[in-house]
Amino acid sequence: MGRNIRLFITVLLFFIGNSVEANSDVKKIINRNYVPINDSSTKPLLDTTNHSAVTLIEQEFNYYAPQSGTVYLVWNAENHPLDESVSWNENTKLTKGLLYLPMIAHDDTFNIKLKVPVGTTLQYYFWITKSNQGHYLDFWDLQSSGKTTVTKVCTINKNAIYSKVEKN
């Protein structure tokens, strides 16, 4: 009986020691990065595989695309498995090794806040599937794509680069 109580207390203390307290103004080391715990854009999660805290922050993307009607942010997190990455954001679809997230239109600009763990290296692309006139397209704006390592909350602003239409 005493052995079971000691085992229970040991397991309980293990999980308490690996939890993240969100009531401190100090920075804590999470995933080998210093993160301010009181930042409202961070969300601590428990990674059940490693029993360690994973903190998600929001990486905002603004994409100015006046000729576009529907745009997707297509991305992958280089240092995380796809099946884990797909769970960080609602409406994310996994297709052919890439993650697709519809962007929200505000006039001529498309916006999305992507939640990813601190220290994630993102490769991202913009896929335009419909023109502003409602015509279906399959245009990948590879010139506006990029790669970034997310270490703090910031905004990435990009302008669409449409390929030139040749006239006969």
C-alpha atoms as a PDB file:
ATOM      1  CA  MET A   1       0.000   0.000   0.000  1.00  0.00           C
ATOM      2  CA  GLY A   2       2.803   2.441   0.935  1.00  0.00           C
ATOM      3  CA  ARG A   3       4.598   1.591  -2.324  1.00  0.00           C
ATOM      4  CA  ASN A   4       1.489   2.504  -4.354  1.00  0.00           C
ATOM      5  CA  ILE A   5       1.186   5.853  -2.578  1.00  0.00           C
ATOM      6  CA  ARG A   6       4.860   6.657  -3.236  1.00  0.00           C
ATOM      7  CA  LEU A   7       4.419   5.702  -6.900  1.00  0.00           C
ATOM      8  CA  PHE A   8       1.306   7.893  -7.205  1.00  0.00           C
ATOM      9  CA  ILE A   9       3.074  10.874  -5.595  1.00  0.00           C
ATOM     10  CA  THR A  10       6.105  10.389  -7.858  1.00  0.00           C
ATOM     11  CA  VAL A  11       3.956  10.356 -11.009  1.00  0.00           C
ATOM     12  CA  LEU A  12       1.943  13.352  -9.810  1.00  0.00           C
ATOM     13  CA  LEU A  13       5.085  15.372  -9.082  1.00  0.00           C
ATOM     14  CA  PHE A  14       6.505  14.414 -12.475  1.00  0.00           C
ATOM     15  CA  PHE A  15       3.488  15.890 -14.279  1.00  0.00           C
ATOM     16  CA  ILE A  16       3.362  18.964 -12.057  1.00  0.00           C
ATOM     17  CA  GLY A  17       7.053  19.591 -12.722  1.00  0.00           C
ATOM     18  CA  ASN A  18       6.479  19.482 -16.484  1.00  0.00           C
ATOM     19  CA  SER A  19       3.488  21.800 -16.588  1.00  0.00           C
ATOM     20  CA  VAL A  20       3.729  25.459 -17.552  1.00  0.00           C
ATOM     21  CA  GLU A  21       2.479  28.093 -15.163  1.00  0.00           C
ATOM     22  CA  ALA A  22       0.883  31.025 -16.980  1.00  0.00           C
ATOM     23  CA  ASN A  23       0.833  33.406 -14.025  1.00  0.00           C
ATOM     24  CA  SER A  24       4.389  34.677 -14.166  1.00  0.00           C
ATOM     25  CA  ASP A  25       5.951  37.703 -15.864  1.00  0.00           C
ATOM     26  CA  VAL A  26       9.302  35.947 -16.218  1.00  0.00           C
ATOM     27  CA  LYS A  27      10.504  34.145 -19.302  1.00  0.00           C
ATOM     28  CA  LYS A  28      10.702  30.378 -19.150  1.00  0.00           C
ATOM     29  CA  ILE A  29      12.658  27.992 -21.327  1.00  0.00           C
ATOM     30  CA  ILE A  30      10.287  26.029 -23.538  1.00  0.00           C
ATOM     31  CA  ASN A  31      11.600  23.916 -26.408  1.00  0.00           C
ATOM     32  CA  ARG A  32      15.047  25.445 -25.761  1.00  0.00           C
ATOM     33  CA  ASN A  33      13.660  28.989 -26.327  1.00  0.00           C
ATOM     34  CA  TYR A  34      13.012  31.813 -23.862  1.00  0.00           C
ATOM     35  CA  VAL A  35       9.290  32.593 -24.004  1.00  0.00           C
ATOM     36  CA  PRO A  36       7.342  35.221 -22.034  1.00  0.00           C
ATOM     37  CA  ILE A  37       4.624  33.216 -20.323  1.00  0.00           C
ATOM     38  CA  ASN A  38       2.248  36.166 -19.909  1.00  0.00           C
ATOM     39  CA  ASP A  39       2.084  36.823 -23.685  1.00  0.00           C
ATOM     40  CA  SER A  40      -1.592  36.472 -24.672  1.00  0.00           C
ATOM     41  CA  SER A  41      -0.670  34.970 -28.053  1.00  0.00           C
ATOM     42  CA  THR A  42       0.991  31.913 -26.537  1.00  0.00           C
ATOM     43  CA  LYS A  43      -0.859  28.740 -25.691  1.00  0.00           C
ATOM     44  CA  PRO A  44       0.848  26.056 -23.609  1.00  0.00           C
ATOM     45  CA  LEU A  45       0.055  22.472 -24.561  1.00  0.00           C
ATOM     46  CA  LEU A  46       1.263  19.156 -23.210  1.00  0.00           C
ATOM     47  CA  ASP A  47       3.133  17.006 -25.685  1.00  0.00           C
ATOM     48  CA  THR A  48       2.096  13.581 -24.410  1.00  0.00           C
ATOM     49  CA  THR A  49       4.884  11.811 -26.309  1.00  0.00           C
ATOM     50  CA  ASN A  50       7.711  13.688 -24.587  1.00  0.00           C
ATOM     51  CA  HIS A  51       5.791  14.912 -21.517  1.00  0.00           C
ATOM     52  CA  SER A  52       7.008  18.454 -22.165  1.00  0.00           C
ATOM     53  CA  ALA A  53       5.318  21.795 -22.659  1.00  0.00           C
ATOM     54  CA  VAL A  54       4.824  23.004 -26.233  1.00  0.00           C
ATOM     55  CA  THR A  55       3.959  26.670 -26.630  1.00  0.00           C
ATOM     56  CA  LEU A  56       2.060  27.812 -29.721  1.00  0.00           C
ATOM     57  CA  ILE A  57       2.387  31.389 -30.921  1.00  0.00           C
ATOM     58  CA  GLU A  58       0.526  33.106 -33.750  1.00  0.00           C
ATOM     59  CA  GLN A  59       2.421  33.921 -36.916  1.00  0.00           C
ATOM     60  CA  GLU A  60       0.276  36.391 -38.855  1.00  0.00           C
ATOM     61  CA  PHE A  61       0.324  36.572 -42.660  1.00  0.00           C
ATOM     62  CA  ASN A  62      -1.086  39.465 -44.727  1.00  0.00           C
ATOM     63  CA  TYR A  63      -1.174  38.862 -48.472  1.00  0.00           C
ATOM     64  CA  TYR A  64      -2.184  41.775 -50.719  1.00  0.00           C
ATOM     65  CA  ALA A  65      -3.764  40.185 -53.806  1.00  0.00           C
ATOM     66  CA  PRO A  66      -6.255  42.567 -55.501  1.00  0.00           C
ATOM     67  CA  GLN A  67      -6.949  40.216 -58.447  1.00  0.00           C
ATOM     68  CA  SER A  68      -7.726  37.235 -56.189  1.00  0.00           C
ATOM     69  CA  GLY A  69     -10.980  35.933 -54.755  1.00  0.00           C
ATOM     70  CA  THR A  70      -9.803  32.841 -52.840  1.00  0.00           C
ATOM     71  CA  VAL A  71      -6.306  32.288 -51.435  1.00  0.00           C
ATOM     72  CA  TYR A  72      -4.806  29.478 -49.354  1.00  0.00           C
ATOM     73  CA  LEU A  73      -1.710  29.622 -47.210  1.00  0.00           C
ATOM     74  CA  VAL A  74       0.142  26.405 -48.023  1.00  0.00           C
ATOM     75  CA  TRP A  75       2.837  25.513 -45.536  1.00  0.00           C
ATOM     76  CA  ASN A  76       4.835  22.935 -43.673  1.00  0.00           C
ATOM     77  CA  ALA A  77       6.771  22.951 -40.438  1.00  0.00           C
ATOM     78  CA  GLU A  78      10.184  21.531 -41.242  1.00  0.00           C
ATOM     79  CA  ASN A  79      10.997  20.369 -37.717  1.00  0.00           C
ATOM     80  CA  HIS A  80       7.615  18.769 -36.869  1.00  0.00           C
ATOM     81  CA  PRO A  81       5.709  15.766 -38.277  1.00  0.00           C
ATOM     82  CA  LEU A  82       2.748  16.583 -40.551  1.00  0.00           C
ATOM     83  CA  ASP A  83       0.233  14.640 -38.447  1.00  0.00           C
ATOM     84  CA  GLU A  84       1.162  16.826 -35.455  1.00  0.00           C
ATOM     85  CA  SER A  85       1.225  20.086 -37.469  1.00  0.00           C
ATOM     86  CA  VAL A  86      -2.265  19.591 -38.886  1.00  0.00           C
ATOM     87  CA  SER A  87      -3.753  19.701 -35.363  1.00  0.00           C
ATOM     88  CA  TRP A  88      -2.493  23.189 -34.479  1.00  0.00           C
ATOM     89  CA  ASN A  89      -5.006  25.144 -36.603  1.00  0.00           C
ATOM     90  CA  GLU A  90      -8.689  24.578 -37.326  1.00  0.00           C
ATOM     91  CA  ASN A  91      -9.645  24.129 -41.004  1.00  0.00           C
ATOM     92  CA  THR A  92      -6.153  22.882 -41.924  1.00  0.00           C
ATOM     93  CA  LYS A  93      -6.124  20.165 -44.580  1.00  0.00           C
ATOM     94  CA  LEU A  94      -3.220  17.825 -45.252  1.00  0.00           C
ATOM     95  CA  THR A  95      -2.775  16.988 -48.953  1.00  0.00           C
ATOM     96  CA  LYS A  96       0.279  15.524 -50.703  1.00  0.00           C
ATOM     97  CA  GLY A  97       2.678  16.421 -47.900  1.00  0.00           C
ATOM     98  CA  LEU A  98       1.581  20.057 -47.506  1.00  0.00           C
ATOM     99  CA  LEU A  99      -0.822  21.818 -45.146  1.00  0.00           C
ATOM    100  CA  TYR A 100      -3.544  24.042 -46.635  1.00  0.00           C
ATOM    101  CA  LEU A 101      -5.288  26.785 -44.673  1.00  0.00           C
ATOM    102  CA  PRO A 102      -7.856  29.147 -46.263  1.00  0.00           C
ATOM    103  CA  MET A 103      -7.034  32.817 -45.798  1.00  0.00           C
ATOM    104  CA  ILE A 104      -9.691  35.376 -44.833  1.00  0.00           C
ATOM    105  CA  ALA A 105     -10.389  38.204 -47.302  1.00  0.00           C
ATOM    106  CA  HIS A 106     -10.490  41.831 -46.132  1.00  0.00           C
ATOM    107  CA  ASP A 107     -10.970  43.964 -49.259  1.00  0.00           C
ATOM    108  CA  ASP A 108      -7.869  43.228 -51.391  1.00  0.00           C
ATOM    109  CA  THR A 109      -5.837  41.680 -48.555  1.00  0.00           C
ATOM    110  CA  PHE A 110      -5.997  38.105 -47.304  1.00  0.00           C
ATOM    111  CA  ASN A 111      -5.110  37.385 -43.692  1.00  0.00           C
ATOM    112  CA  ILE A 112      -4.492  34.367 -41.482  1.00  0.00           C
ATOM    113  CA  LYS A 113      -2.996  33.805 -38.034  1.00  0.00           C
ATOM    114  CA  LEU A 114      -1.115  30.531 -38.076  1.00  0.00           C
ATOM    115  CA  LYS A 115      -0.483  28.843 -34.711  1.00  0.00           C
ATOM    116  CA  VAL A 116       2.882  27.086 -34.507  1.00  0.00           C
ATOM    117  CA  PRO A 117       5.343  26.139 -31.747  1.00  0.00           C
ATOM    118  CA  VAL A 118       8.150  28.540 -30.863  1.00  0.00           C
ATOM    119  CA  GLY A 119      11.263  27.739 -32.891  1.00  0.00           C
ATOM    120  CA  THR A 120       9.370  26.213 -35.823  1.00  0.00           C
ATOM    121  CA  THR A 121      10.894  26.685 -39.274  1.00  0.00           C
ATOM    122  CA  LEU A 122       8.068  27.388 -41.726  1.00  0.00           C
ATOM    123  CA  GLN A 123       8.148  27.039 -45.484  1.00  0.00           C
ATOM    124  CA  TYR A 124       5.097  28.836 -46.898  1.00  0.00           C
ATOM    125  CA  TYR A 125       3.418  29.466 -50.261  1.00  0.00           C
ATOM    126  CA  PHE A 126       0.305  31.268 -51.520  1.00  0.00           C
ATOM    127  CA  TRP A 127      -2.147  29.355 -53.720  1.00  0.00           C
ATOM    128  CA  ILE A 128      -4.820  31.362 -55.538  1.00  0.00           C
ATOM    129  CA  THR A 129      -7.818  29.201 -56.492  1.00  0.00           C
ATOM    130  CA  LYS A 130     -10.305  31.836 -57.604  1.00  0.00           C
ATOM    131  CA  SER A 131     -10.069  35.281 -59.207  1.00  0.00           C
ATOM    132  CA  ASN A 132     -11.861  38.314 -57.809  1.00  0.00           C
ATOM    133  CA  GLN A 133     -14.366  37.833 -60.676  1.00  0.00           C
ATOM    134  CA  GLY A 134     -15.179  34.302 -59.472  1.00  0.00           C
ATOM    135  CA  HIS A 135     -13.243  32.356 -62.128  1.00  0.00           C
ATOM    136  CA  TYR A 136     -11.481  29.219 -60.918  1.00  0.00           C
ATOM    137  CA  LEU A 137      -7.683  29.319 -61.057  1.00  0.00           C
ATOM    138  CA  ASP A 138      -4.744  27.144 -60.107  1.00  0.00           C
ATOM    139  CA  PHE A 139      -2.058  29.796 -59.570  1.00  0.00           C
ATOM    140  CA  TRP A 140       0.866  29.246 -57.217  1.00  0.00           C
ATOM    141  CA  ASP A 141       2.556  32.556 -56.346  1.00  0.00           C
ATOM    142  CA  LEU A 142       5.985  31.040 -55.780  1.00  0.00           C
ATOM    143  CA  GLN A 143       7.716  34.419 -56.006  1.00  0.00           C
ATOM    144  CA  SER A 144       5.954  35.530 -52.804  1.00  0.00           C
ATOM    145  CA  SER A 145       6.740  32.314 -50.940  1.00  0.00           C
ATOM    146  CA  GLY A 146       9.267  32.209 -48.155  1.00  0.00           C
ATOM    147  CA  LYS A 147      10.890  30.503 -45.230  1.00  0.00           C
ATOM    148  CA  THR A 148      11.064  31.779 -41.655  1.00  0.00           C
ATOM    149  CA  THR A 149      11.852  30.536 -38.167  1.00  0.00           C
ATOM    150  CA  VAL A 150       9.171  31.630 -35.714  1.00  0.00           C
ATOM    151  CA  THR A 151      10.743  33.010 -32.528  1.00  0.00           C
ATOM    152  CA  LYS A 152       8.337  35.808 -31.593  1.00  0.00           C
ATOM    153  CA  VAL A 153       4.946  37.194 -32.570  1.00  0.00           C
ATOM    154  CA  CYS A 154       5.282  39.232 -35.773  1.00  0.00           C
ATOM    155  CA  THR A 155       3.489  39.812 -39.071  1.00  0.00           C
ATOM    156  CA  ILE A 156       4.676  38.750 -42.514  1.00  0.00           C
ATOM    157  CA  ASN A 157       3.378  41.057 -45.261  1.00  0.00           C
ATOM    158  CA  LYS A 158       3.552  39.932 -48.882  1.00  0.00           C
ATOM    159  CA  ASN A 159       2.233  41.295 -52.185  1.00  0.00           C
ATOM    160  CA  ALA A 160       0.934  38.973 -54.885  1.00  0.00           C
ATOM    161  CA  ILE A 161       3.180  38.686 -57.913  1.00  0.00           C
ATOM    162  CA  TYR A 162       0.995  37.669 -60.820  1.00  0.00           C
ATOM    163  CA  SER A 163       2.605  36.218 -63.913  1.00  0.00           C
ATOM    164  CA  LYS A 164       2.370  38.465 -66.946  1.00  0.00           C
ATOM    165  CA  VAL A 165      -0.189  37.492 -69.576  1.00  0.00           C
ATOM    166  CA  GLU A 166       1.247  37.385 -73.063  1.00  0.00           C
ATOM    167  CA  LYS A 167      -0.793  39.022 -75.799  1.00  0.00           C
ATOM    168  CA  ASN A 168      -0.746  37.703 -79.370  1.00  0.00           C
END
